[in-house]
């Protein structure tokens, strides 16, 4: 009894949605973030660093949880999303 040759399905690239330009694929981790995560570099001026540290300390006083600069930056991302792109752009133009 001869075996039938293995047939593999043809590889098909996923198509983009209509009206969307093709962009590069980006890898991202879906794992829960832990303290073992590699630190990310964010460039700030000295004044921005001081402002960020003061904000971290002020928020830390309101809770017994560990609040870090990265926590505040992540919270700012959600605030910017809720504010919308127009208001976010206005703040960027005004302060950055």
PDB file of N, CA and C in Angstrom:
ATOM      1  N   UNK A   1       0.841  -1.173   0.000  1.00  0.00           N
ATOM      2  CA  UNK A   1       0.000   0.000   0.000  1.00  0.00           C
ATOM      3  C   UNK A   1       0.893   1.246   0.000  1.00  0.00           C
ATOM      4  N   UNK A   2       0.898   2.025  -1.074  1.00  0.00           N
ATOM      5  CA  UNK A   2       1.726   3.219  -1.192  1.00  0.00           C
ATOM      6  C   UNK A   2       1.048   4.390  -0.494  1.00  0.00           C
ATOM      7  N   UNK A   3       1.876   5.202   0.184  1.00  0.00           N
ATOM      8  CA  UNK A   3       1.327   6.365   0.871  1.00  0.00           C
ATOM      9  C   UNK A   3       1.127   7.499  -0.124  1.00  0.00           C
ATOM     10  N   UNK A   4       0.116   8.251   0.103  1.00  0.00           N
ATOM     11  CA  UNK A   4      -0.191   9.415  -0.722  1.00  0.00           C
ATOM     12  C   UNK A   4       0.782  10.539  -0.348  1.00  0.00           C
ATOM     13  N   UNK A   5       1.325  11.285  -1.326  1.00  0.00           N
ATOM     14  CA  UNK A   5       2.244  12.376  -0.982  1.00  0.00           C
ATOM     15  C   UNK A   5       1.536  13.447  -0.141  1.00  0.00           C
ATOM     16  N   UNK A   6       2.301  14.059   0.756  1.00  0.00           N
ATOM     17  CA  UNK A   6       1.765  15.082   1.649  1.00  0.00           C
ATOM     18  C   UNK A   6       1.400  16.325   0.850  1.00  0.00           C
ATOM     19  N   UNK A   7       0.194  16.793   1.024  1.00  0.00           N
ATOM     20  CA  UNK A   7      -0.254  18.017   0.357  1.00  0.00           C
ATOM     21  C   UNK A   7      -0.392  19.111   1.404  1.00  0.00           C
ATOM     22  N   UNK A   8       0.277  20.189   1.151  1.00  0.00           N
ATOM     23  CA  UNK A   8       0.215  21.321   2.085  1.00  0.00           C
ATOM     24  C   UNK A   8      -0.644  22.419   1.474  1.00  0.00           C
ATOM     25  N   UNK A   9      -1.414  23.114   2.294  1.00  0.00           N
ATOM     26  CA  UNK A   9      -2.216  24.211   1.751  1.00  0.00           C
ATOM     27  C   UNK A   9      -1.317  25.362   1.302  1.00  0.00           C
ATOM     28  N   UNK A  10      -1.787  26.087   0.325  1.00  0.00           N
ATOM     29  CA  UNK A  10      -1.023  27.218  -0.188  1.00  0.00           C
ATOM     30  C   UNK A  10      -1.013  28.338   0.845  1.00  0.00           C
ATOM     31  N   UNK A  11       0.131  28.984   1.019  1.00  0.00           N
ATOM     32  CA  UNK A  11       0.253  30.081   1.976  1.00  0.00           C
ATOM     33  C   UNK A  11      -0.331  31.336   1.343  1.00  0.00           C
ATOM     34  N   UNK A  12      -1.259  31.957   2.068  1.00  0.00           N
ATOM     35  CA  UNK A  12      -1.915  33.161   1.579  1.00  0.00           C
ATOM     36  C   UNK A  12      -1.658  34.285   2.568  1.00  0.00           C
ATOM     37  N   UNK A  13      -1.132  35.412   2.069  1.00  0.00           N
ATOM     38  CA  UNK A  13      -0.891  36.559   2.929  1.00  0.00           C
ATOM     39  C   UNK A  13      -2.224  37.218   3.248  1.00  0.00           C
ATOM     40  N   UNK A  14      -2.394  37.698   4.496  1.00  0.00           N
ATOM     41  CA  UNK A  14      -3.645  38.363   4.826  1.00  0.00           C
ATOM     42  C   UNK A  14      -3.756  39.691   4.085  1.00  0.00           C
ATOM     43  N   UNK A  15      -4.935  40.000   3.603  1.00  0.00           N
ATOM     44  CA  UNK A  15      -5.148  41.252   2.882  1.00  0.00           C
ATOM     45  C   UNK A  15      -5.454  42.386   3.844  1.00  0.00           C
ATOM     46  N   UNK A  16      -5.147  43.599   3.439  1.00  0.00           N
ATOM     47  CA  UNK A  16      -5.450  44.767   4.262  1.00  0.00           C
ATOM     48  C   UNK A  16      -6.897  45.169   4.105  1.00  0.00           C
ATOM     49  N   UNK A  17      -7.343  46.024   4.983  1.00  0.00           N
ATOM     50  CA  UNK A  17      -8.710  46.507   4.867  1.00  0.00           C
ATOM     51  C   UNK A  17      -8.778  47.575   3.789  1.00  0.00           C
ATOM     52  N   UNK A  18      -9.972  47.816   3.292  1.00  0.00           N
ATOM     53  CA  UNK A  18     -10.121  48.787   2.214  1.00  0.00           C
ATOM     54  C   UNK A  18      -9.763  50.183   2.703  1.00  0.00           C
ATOM     55  N   UNK A  19      -9.070  50.947   1.874  1.00  0.00           N
ATOM     56  CA  UNK A  19      -8.699  52.316   2.206  1.00  0.00           C
ATOM     57  C   UNK A  19      -7.537  52.433   3.167  1.00  0.00           C
ATOM     58  N   UNK A  20      -6.923  51.344   3.533  1.00  0.00           N
ATOM     59  CA  UNK A  20      -5.804  51.369   4.473  1.00  0.00           C
ATOM     60  C   UNK A  20      -4.516  51.046   3.733  1.00  0.00           C
ATOM     61  N   UNK A  21      -3.480  51.846   3.991  1.00  0.00           N
ATOM     62  CA  UNK A  21      -2.185  51.579   3.373  1.00  0.00           C
ATOM     63  C   UNK A  21      -1.534  50.408   4.086  1.00  0.00           C
ATOM     64  N   UNK A  22      -0.689  49.693   3.359  1.00  0.00           N
ATOM     65  CA  UNK A  22       0.031  48.590   3.992  1.00  0.00           C
ATOM     66  C   UNK A  22       1.079  49.164   4.934  1.00  0.00           C
ATOM     67  N   UNK A  23       1.132  48.641   6.116  1.00  0.00           N
ATOM     68  CA  UNK A  23       2.117  49.080   7.095  1.00  0.00           C
ATOM     69  C   UNK A  23       2.930  47.876   7.523  1.00  0.00           C
ATOM     70  N   UNK A  24       4.057  48.136   8.135  1.00  0.00           N
ATOM     71  CA  UNK A  24       4.890  47.051   8.633  1.00  0.00           C
ATOM     72  C   UNK A  24       4.217  46.393   9.824  1.00  0.00           C
ATOM     73  N   UNK A  25       4.448  45.116   9.960  1.00  0.00           N
ATOM     74  CA  UNK A  25       3.931  44.415  11.118  1.00  0.00           C
ATOM     75  C   UNK A  25       4.819  44.718  12.309  1.00  0.00           C
ATOM     76  N   UNK A  26       4.228  44.843  13.472  1.00  0.00           N
ATOM     77  CA  UNK A  26       4.964  45.146  14.672  1.00  0.00           C
ATOM     78  C   UNK A  26       4.762  44.028  15.675  1.00  0.00           C
ATOM     79  N   UNK A  27       5.835  43.562  16.251  1.00  0.00           N
ATOM     80  CA  UNK A  27       5.726  42.542  17.295  1.00  0.00           C
ATOM     81  C   UNK A  27       5.328  43.207  18.595  1.00  0.00           C
ATOM     82  N   UNK A  28       4.461  42.558  19.338  1.00  0.00           N
ATOM     83  CA  UNK A  28       4.137  43.052  20.660  1.00  0.00           C
ATOM     84  C   UNK A  28       3.915  41.862  21.567  1.00  0.00           C
ATOM     85  N   UNK A  29       4.108  42.094  22.834  1.00  0.00           N
ATOM     86  CA  UNK A  29       3.961  41.017  23.801  1.00  0.00           C
ATOM     87  C   UNK A  29       2.568  41.062  24.381  1.00  0.00           C
ATOM     88  N   UNK A  30       1.915  39.916  24.416  1.00  0.00           N
ATOM     89  CA  UNK A  30       0.583  39.873  24.998  1.00  0.00           C
ATOM     90  C   UNK A  30       0.628  39.386  26.436  1.00  0.00           C
ATOM     91  N   UNK A  31       1.834  39.125  26.935  1.00  0.00           N
ATOM     92  CA  UNK A  31       1.977  38.679  28.315  1.00  0.00           C
ATOM     93  C   UNK A  31       1.702  39.846  29.268  1.00  0.00           C
ATOM     94  N   UNK A  32       1.314  39.495  30.482  1.00  0.00           N
ATOM     95  CA  UNK A  32       1.103  40.516  31.500  1.00  0.00           C
ATOM     96  C   UNK A  32       2.447  41.157  31.827  1.00  0.00           C
ATOM     97  N   UNK A  33       2.456  42.453  31.969  1.00  0.00           N
ATOM     98  CA  UNK A  33       3.694  43.158  32.263  1.00  0.00           C
ATOM     99  C   UNK A  33       4.116  42.876  33.703  1.00  0.00           C
ATOM    100  N   UNK A  34       5.381  42.590  33.884  1.00  0.00           N
ATOM    101  CA  UNK A  34       5.909  42.308  35.216  1.00  0.00           C
ATOM    102  C   UNK A  34       7.150  43.140  35.436  1.00  0.00           C
ATOM    103  N   UNK A  35       7.691  43.067  36.618  1.00  0.00           N
ATOM    104  CA  UNK A  35       8.901  43.836  36.925  1.00  0.00           C
ATOM    105  C   UNK A  35      10.110  43.307  36.165  1.00  0.00           C
ATOM    106  N   UNK A  36      10.008  42.114  35.595  1.00  0.00           N
ATOM    107  CA  UNK A  36      11.139  41.566  34.850  1.00  0.00           C
ATOM    108  C   UNK A  36      11.181  42.098  33.415  1.00  0.00           C
ATOM    109  N   UNK A  37      10.241  42.946  33.055  1.00  0.00           N
ATOM    110  CA  UNK A  37      10.207  43.508  31.708  1.00  0.00           C
ATOM    111  C   UNK A  37      11.406  44.441  31.517  1.00  0.00           C
ATOM    112  N   UNK A  38      11.966  44.425  30.334  1.00  0.00           N
ATOM    113  CA  UNK A  38      13.103  45.298  30.037  1.00  0.00           C
ATOM    114  C   UNK A  38      12.649  46.752  30.100  1.00  0.00           C
ATOM    115  N   UNK A  39      13.425  47.621  30.738  1.00  0.00           N
ATOM    116  CA  UNK A  39      13.014  49.018  30.855  1.00  0.00           C
ATOM    117  C   UNK A  39      13.039  49.724  29.501  1.00  0.00           C
ATOM    118  N   UNK A  40      12.120  50.647  29.317  1.00  0.00           N
ATOM    119  CA  UNK A  40      12.057  51.442  28.095  1.00  0.00           C
ATOM    120  C   UNK A  40      12.698  52.803  28.374  1.00  0.00           C
ATOM    121  N   UNK A  41      13.272  53.401  27.360  1.00  0.00           N
ATOM    122  CA  UNK A  41      13.917  54.702  27.513  1.00  0.00           C
ATOM    123  C   UNK A  41      12.985  55.792  27.024  1.00  0.00           C
ATOM    124  N   UNK A  42      12.730  56.762  27.876  1.00  0.00           N
ATOM    125  CA  UNK A  42      11.937  57.932  27.507  1.00  0.00           C
ATOM    126  C   UNK A  42      12.826  59.137  27.739  1.00  0.00           C
ATOM    127  N   UNK A  43      12.979  59.950  26.717  1.00  0.00           N
ATOM    128  CA  UNK A  43      13.851  61.117  26.842  1.00  0.00           C
ATOM    129  C   UNK A  43      13.040  62.313  27.331  1.00  0.00           C
ATOM    130  N   UNK A  44      13.553  62.961  28.384  1.00  0.00           N
ATOM    131  CA  UNK A  44      12.894  64.124  28.956  1.00  0.00           C
ATOM    132  C   UNK A  44      13.937  65.165  29.314  1.00  0.00           C
ATOM    133  N   UNK A  45      13.493  66.407  29.335  1.00  0.00           N
ATOM    134  CA  UNK A  45      14.375  67.474  29.808  1.00  0.00           C
ATOM    135  C   UNK A  45      14.440  67.391  31.323  1.00  0.00           C
ATOM    136  N   UNK A  46      15.367  68.131  31.900  1.00  0.00           N
ATOM    137  CA  UNK A  46      15.502  68.135  33.359  1.00  0.00           C
ATOM    138  C   UNK A  46      14.233  68.668  34.017  1.00  0.00           C
ATOM    139  N   UNK A  47      13.641  69.706  33.429  1.00  0.00           N
ATOM    140  CA  UNK A  47      12.403  70.268  33.985  1.00  0.00           C
ATOM    141  C   UNK A  47      11.261  69.251  33.910  1.00  0.00           C
ATOM    142  N   UNK A  48      11.192  68.495  32.809  1.00  0.00           N
ATOM    143  CA  UNK A  48      10.150  67.472  32.668  1.00  0.00           C
ATOM    144  C   UNK A  48      10.351  66.355  33.674  1.00  0.00           C
ATOM    145  N   UNK A  49      11.610  65.991  33.931  1.00  0.00           N
ATOM    146  CA  UNK A  49      11.895  64.955  34.923  1.00  0.00           C
ATOM    147  C   UNK A  49      11.449  65.397  36.308  1.00  0.00           C
ATOM    148  N   UNK A  50      11.734  66.645  36.652  1.00  0.00           N
ATOM    149  CA  UNK A  50      11.318  67.170  37.957  1.00  0.00           C
ATOM    150  C   UNK A  50       9.795  67.208  38.055  1.00  0.00           C
ATOM    151  N   UNK A  51       9.138  67.666  37.003  1.00  0.00           N
ATOM    152  CA  UNK A  51       7.680  67.728  36.993  1.00  0.00           C
ATOM    153  C   UNK A  51       7.092  66.323  37.135  1.00  0.00           C
ATOM    154  N   UNK A  52       7.670  65.365  36.437  1.00  0.00           N
ATOM    155  CA  UNK A  52       7.194  63.987  36.509  1.00  0.00           C
ATOM    156  C   UNK A  52       7.391  63.427  37.909  1.00  0.00           C
ATOM    157  N   UNK A  53       8.527  63.679  38.519  1.00  0.00           N
ATOM    158  CA  UNK A  53       8.786  63.163  39.864  1.00  0.00           C
ATOM    159  C   UNK A  53       7.840  63.777  40.875  1.00  0.00           C
ATOM    160  N   UNK A  54       7.565  65.085  40.751  1.00  0.00           N
ATOM    161  CA  UNK A  54       6.619  65.743  41.651  1.00  0.00           C
ATOM    162  C   UNK A  54       5.225  65.144  41.499  1.00  0.00           C
ATOM    163  N   UNK A  55       4.833  64.863  40.264  1.00  0.00           N
ATOM    164  CA  UNK A  55       3.522  64.266  40.017  1.00  0.00           C
ATOM    165  C   UNK A  55       3.448  62.854  40.596  1.00  0.00           C
ATOM    166  N   UNK A  56       4.505  62.075  40.421  1.00  0.00           N
ATOM    167  CA  UNK A  56       4.552  60.722  40.982  1.00  0.00           C
ATOM    168  C   UNK A  56       4.409  60.783  42.499  1.00  0.00           C
ATOM    169  N   UNK A  57       5.127  61.697  43.140  1.00  0.00           N
ATOM    170  CA  UNK A  57       5.058  61.813  44.597  1.00  0.00           C
ATOM    171  C   UNK A  57       3.671  62.254  45.052  1.00  0.00           C
ATOM    172  N   UNK A  58       3.040  63.184  44.318  1.00  0.00           N
ATOM    173  CA  UNK A  58       1.698  63.652  44.679  1.00  0.00           C
ATOM    174  C   UNK A  58       0.670  62.531  44.555  1.00  0.00           C
ATOM    175  N   UNK A  59       0.770  61.726  43.487  1.00  0.00           N
ATOM    176  CA  UNK A  59      -0.157  60.613  43.303  1.00  0.00           C
ATOM    177  C   UNK A  59       0.115  59.534  44.346  1.00  0.00           C
ATOM    178  N   UNK A  60       1.374  59.301  44.663  1.00  0.00           N
ATOM    179  CA  UNK A  60       1.754  58.289  45.648  1.00  0.00           C
ATOM    180  C   UNK A  60       1.166  58.610  47.013  1.00  0.00           C
ATOM    181  N   UNK A  61       1.068  59.899  47.352  1.00  0.00           N
ATOM    182  CA  UNK A  61       0.501  60.294  48.643  1.00  0.00           C
ATOM    183  C   UNK A  61      -0.986  59.949  48.753  1.00  0.00           C
ATOM    184  N   UNK A  62      -1.677  59.798  47.616  1.00  0.00           N
ATOM    185  CA  UNK A  62      -3.108  59.526  47.614  1.00  0.00           C
ATOM    186  C   UNK A  62      -3.445  58.041  47.731  1.00  0.00           C
ATOM    187  N   UNK A  63      -2.448  57.176  47.635  1.00  0.00           N
ATOM    188  CA  UNK A  63      -2.720  55.741  47.631  1.00  0.00           C
ATOM    189  C   UNK A  63      -1.639  54.989  48.380  1.00  0.00           C
ATOM    190  N   UNK A  64      -1.943  53.741  48.699  1.00  0.00           N
ATOM    191  CA  UNK A  64      -0.923  52.908  49.333  1.00  0.00           C
ATOM    192  C   UNK A  64      -0.290  51.962  48.317  1.00  0.00           C
ATOM    193  N   UNK A  65      -0.667  52.086  47.040  1.00  0.00           N
ATOM    194  CA  UNK A  65      -0.072  51.268  45.990  1.00  0.00           C
ATOM    195  C   UNK A  65       1.233  51.900  45.516  1.00  0.00           C
ATOM    196  N   UNK A  66       2.088  51.094  44.901  1.00  0.00           N
ATOM    197  CA  UNK A  66       3.364  51.578  44.391  1.00  0.00           C
ATOM    198  C   UNK A  66       3.137  52.293  43.059  1.00  0.00           C
ATOM    199  N   UNK A  67       3.314  53.590  43.044  1.00  0.00           N
ATOM    200  CA  UNK A  67       3.148  54.391  41.832  1.00  0.00           C
ATOM    201  C   UNK A  67       4.537  54.783  41.343  1.00  0.00           C
ATOM    202  N   UNK A  68       4.811  54.461  40.081  1.00  0.00           N
ATOM    203  CA  UNK A  68       6.109  54.794  39.491  1.00  0.00           C
ATOM    204  C   UNK A  68       5.885  55.745  38.319  1.00  0.00           C
ATOM    205  N   UNK A  69       6.966  56.239  37.789  1.00  0.00           N
ATOM    206  CA  UNK A  69       6.875  57.122  36.627  1.00  0.00           C
ATOM    207  C   UNK A  69       6.239  56.397  35.448  1.00  0.00           C
ATOM    208  N   UNK A  70       6.597  55.136  35.254  1.00  0.00           N
ATOM    209  CA  UNK A  70       6.005  54.407  34.132  1.00  0.00           C
ATOM    210  C   UNK A  70       4.499  54.238  34.323  1.00  0.00           C
ATOM    211  N   UNK A  71       4.040  54.094  35.564  1.00  0.00           N
ATOM    212  CA  UNK A  71       2.604  54.009  35.836  1.00  0.00           C
ATOM    213  C   UNK A  71       1.914  55.312  35.458  1.00  0.00           C
ATOM    214  N   UNK A  72       2.529  56.423  35.815  1.00  0.00           N
ATOM    215  CA  UNK A  72       1.964  57.735  35.484  1.00  0.00           C
ATOM    216  C   UNK A  72       1.954  57.945  33.973  1.00  0.00           C
ATOM    217  N   UNK A  73       3.026  57.542  33.283  1.00  0.00           N
ATOM    218  CA  UNK A  73       3.074  57.697  31.829  1.00  0.00           C
ATOM    219  C   UNK A  73       2.020  56.828  31.139  1.00  0.00           C
ATOM    220  N   UNK A  74       1.825  55.618  31.634  1.00  0.00           N
ATOM    221  CA  UNK A  74       0.790  54.758  31.065  1.00  0.00           C
ATOM    222  C   UNK A  74      -0.593  55.351  31.312  1.00  0.00           C
ATOM    223  N   UNK A  75      -0.821  55.921  32.494  1.00  0.00           N
ATOM    224  CA  UNK A  75      -2.101  56.563  32.792  1.00  0.00           C
ATOM    225  C   UNK A  75      -2.321  57.757  31.862  1.00  0.00           C
ATOM    226  N   UNK A  76      -1.249  58.495  31.567  1.00  0.00           N
ATOM    227  CA  UNK A  76      -1.349  59.634  30.657  1.00  0.00           C
ATOM    228  C   UNK A  76      -1.753  59.190  29.254  1.00  0.00           C
ATOM    229  N   UNK A  77      -1.309  58.020  28.857  1.00  0.00           N
ATOM    230  CA  UNK A  77      -1.694  57.476  27.555  1.00  0.00           C
ATOM    231  C   UNK A  77      -3.203  57.256  27.489  1.00  0.00           C
ATOM    232  N   UNK A  78      -3.774  56.705  28.551  1.00  0.00           N
ATOM    233  CA  UNK A  78      -5.221  56.496  28.585  1.00  0.00           C
ATOM    234  C   UNK A  78      -5.974  57.831  28.643  1.00  0.00           C
ATOM    235  N   UNK A  79      -5.443  58.801  29.382  1.00  0.00           N
ATOM    236  CA  UNK A  79      -6.070  60.122  29.433  1.00  0.00           C
ATOM    237  C   UNK A  79      -6.066  60.779  28.058  1.00  0.00           C
ATOM    238  N   UNK A  80      -4.950  60.651  27.344  1.00  0.00           N
ATOM    239  CA  UNK A  80      -4.849  61.229  26.003  1.00  0.00           C
ATOM    240  C   UNK A  80      -5.821  60.552  25.049  1.00  0.00           C
ATOM    241  N   UNK A  81      -5.982  59.245  25.172  1.00  0.00           N
ATOM    242  CA  UNK A  81      -6.932  58.526  24.315  1.00  0.00           C
ATOM    243  C   UNK A  81      -8.357  58.998  24.588  1.00  0.00           C
ATOM    244  N   UNK A  82      -8.700  59.168  25.869  1.00  0.00           N
ATOM    245  CA  UNK A  82     -10.043  59.612  26.223  1.00  0.00           C
ATOM    246  C   UNK A  82     -10.299  61.055  25.800  1.00  0.00           C
ATOM    247  N   UNK A  83      -9.257  61.884  25.834  1.00  0.00           N
ATOM    248  CA  UNK A  83      -9.413  63.288  25.440  1.00  0.00           C
ATOM    249  C   UNK A  83      -9.631  63.428  23.944  1.00  0.00           C
ATOM    250  N   UNK A  84      -9.115  62.510  23.171  1.00  0.00           N
ATOM    251  CA  UNK A  84      -9.272  62.559  21.724  1.00  0.00           C
ATOM    252  C   UNK A  84      -8.050  63.140  21.045  1.00  0.00           C
ATOM    253  N   UNK A  85      -7.928  62.884  19.736  1.00  0.00           N
ATOM    254  CA  UNK A  85      -6.730  63.325  19.016  1.00  0.00           C
ATOM    255  C   UNK A  85      -6.598  64.846  18.897  1.00  0.00           C
ATOM    256  N   UNK A  86      -7.719  65.558  18.780  1.00  0.00           N
ATOM    257  CA  UNK A  86      -7.635  67.016  18.624  1.00  0.00           C
ATOM    258  C   UNK A  86      -7.072  67.673  19.881  1.00  0.00           C
ATOM    259  N   UNK A  87      -7.616  67.288  21.027  1.00  0.00           N
ATOM    260  CA  UNK A  87      -7.144  67.876  22.284  1.00  0.00           C
ATOM    261  C   UNK A  87      -5.715  67.442  22.577  1.00  0.00           C
ATOM    262  N   UNK A  88      -5.365  66.190  22.265  1.00  0.00           N
ATOM    263  CA  UNK A  88      -4.004  65.712  22.469  1.00  0.00           C
ATOM    264  C   UNK A  88      -3.016  66.511  21.622  1.00  0.00           C
ATOM    265  N   UNK A  89      -3.379  66.744  20.356  1.00  0.00           N
ATOM    266  CA  UNK A  89      -2.519  67.534  19.471  1.00  0.00           C
ATOM    267  C   UNK A  89      -2.369  68.959  19.985  1.00  0.00           C
ATOM    268  N   UNK A  90      -3.439  69.526  20.518  1.00  0.00           N
ATOM    269  CA  UNK A  90      -3.380  70.883  21.069  1.00  0.00           C
ATOM    270  C   UNK A  90      -2.386  70.950  22.222  1.00  0.00           C
ATOM    271  N   UNK A  91      -2.425  69.941  23.107  1.00  0.00           N
ATOM    272  CA  UNK A  91      -1.497  69.900  24.239  1.00  0.00           C
ATOM    273  C   UNK A  91      -0.063  69.717  23.754  1.00  0.00           C
ATOM    274  N   UNK A  92       0.126  68.866  22.754  1.00  0.00           N
ATOM    275  CA  UNK A  92       1.468  68.646  22.196  1.00  0.00           C
ATOM    276  C   UNK A  92       2.019  69.956  21.638  1.00  0.00           C
ATOM    277  N   UNK A  93       1.199  70.664  20.866  1.00  0.00           N
ATOM    278  CA  UNK A  93       1.664  71.933  20.282  1.00  0.00           C
ATOM    279  C   UNK A  93       1.952  72.970  21.359  1.00  0.00           C
ATOM    280  N   UNK A  94       1.152  72.960  22.427  1.00  0.00           N
ATOM    281  CA  UNK A  94       1.307  73.966  23.468  1.00  0.00           C
ATOM    282  C   UNK A  94       2.524  73.730  24.352  1.00  0.00           C
ATOM    283  N   UNK A  95       2.806  72.461  24.675  1.00  0.00           N
ATOM    284  CA  UNK A  95       3.857  72.183  25.650  1.00  0.00           C
ATOM    285  C   UNK A  95       5.104  71.515  25.096  1.00  0.00           C
ATOM    286  N   UNK A  96       5.006  70.868  23.942  1.00  0.00           N
ATOM    287  CA  UNK A  96       6.161  70.090  23.480  1.00  0.00           C
ATOM    288  C   UNK A  96       6.728  70.603  22.208  1.00  0.00           C
TER     289      UNK A  96
END
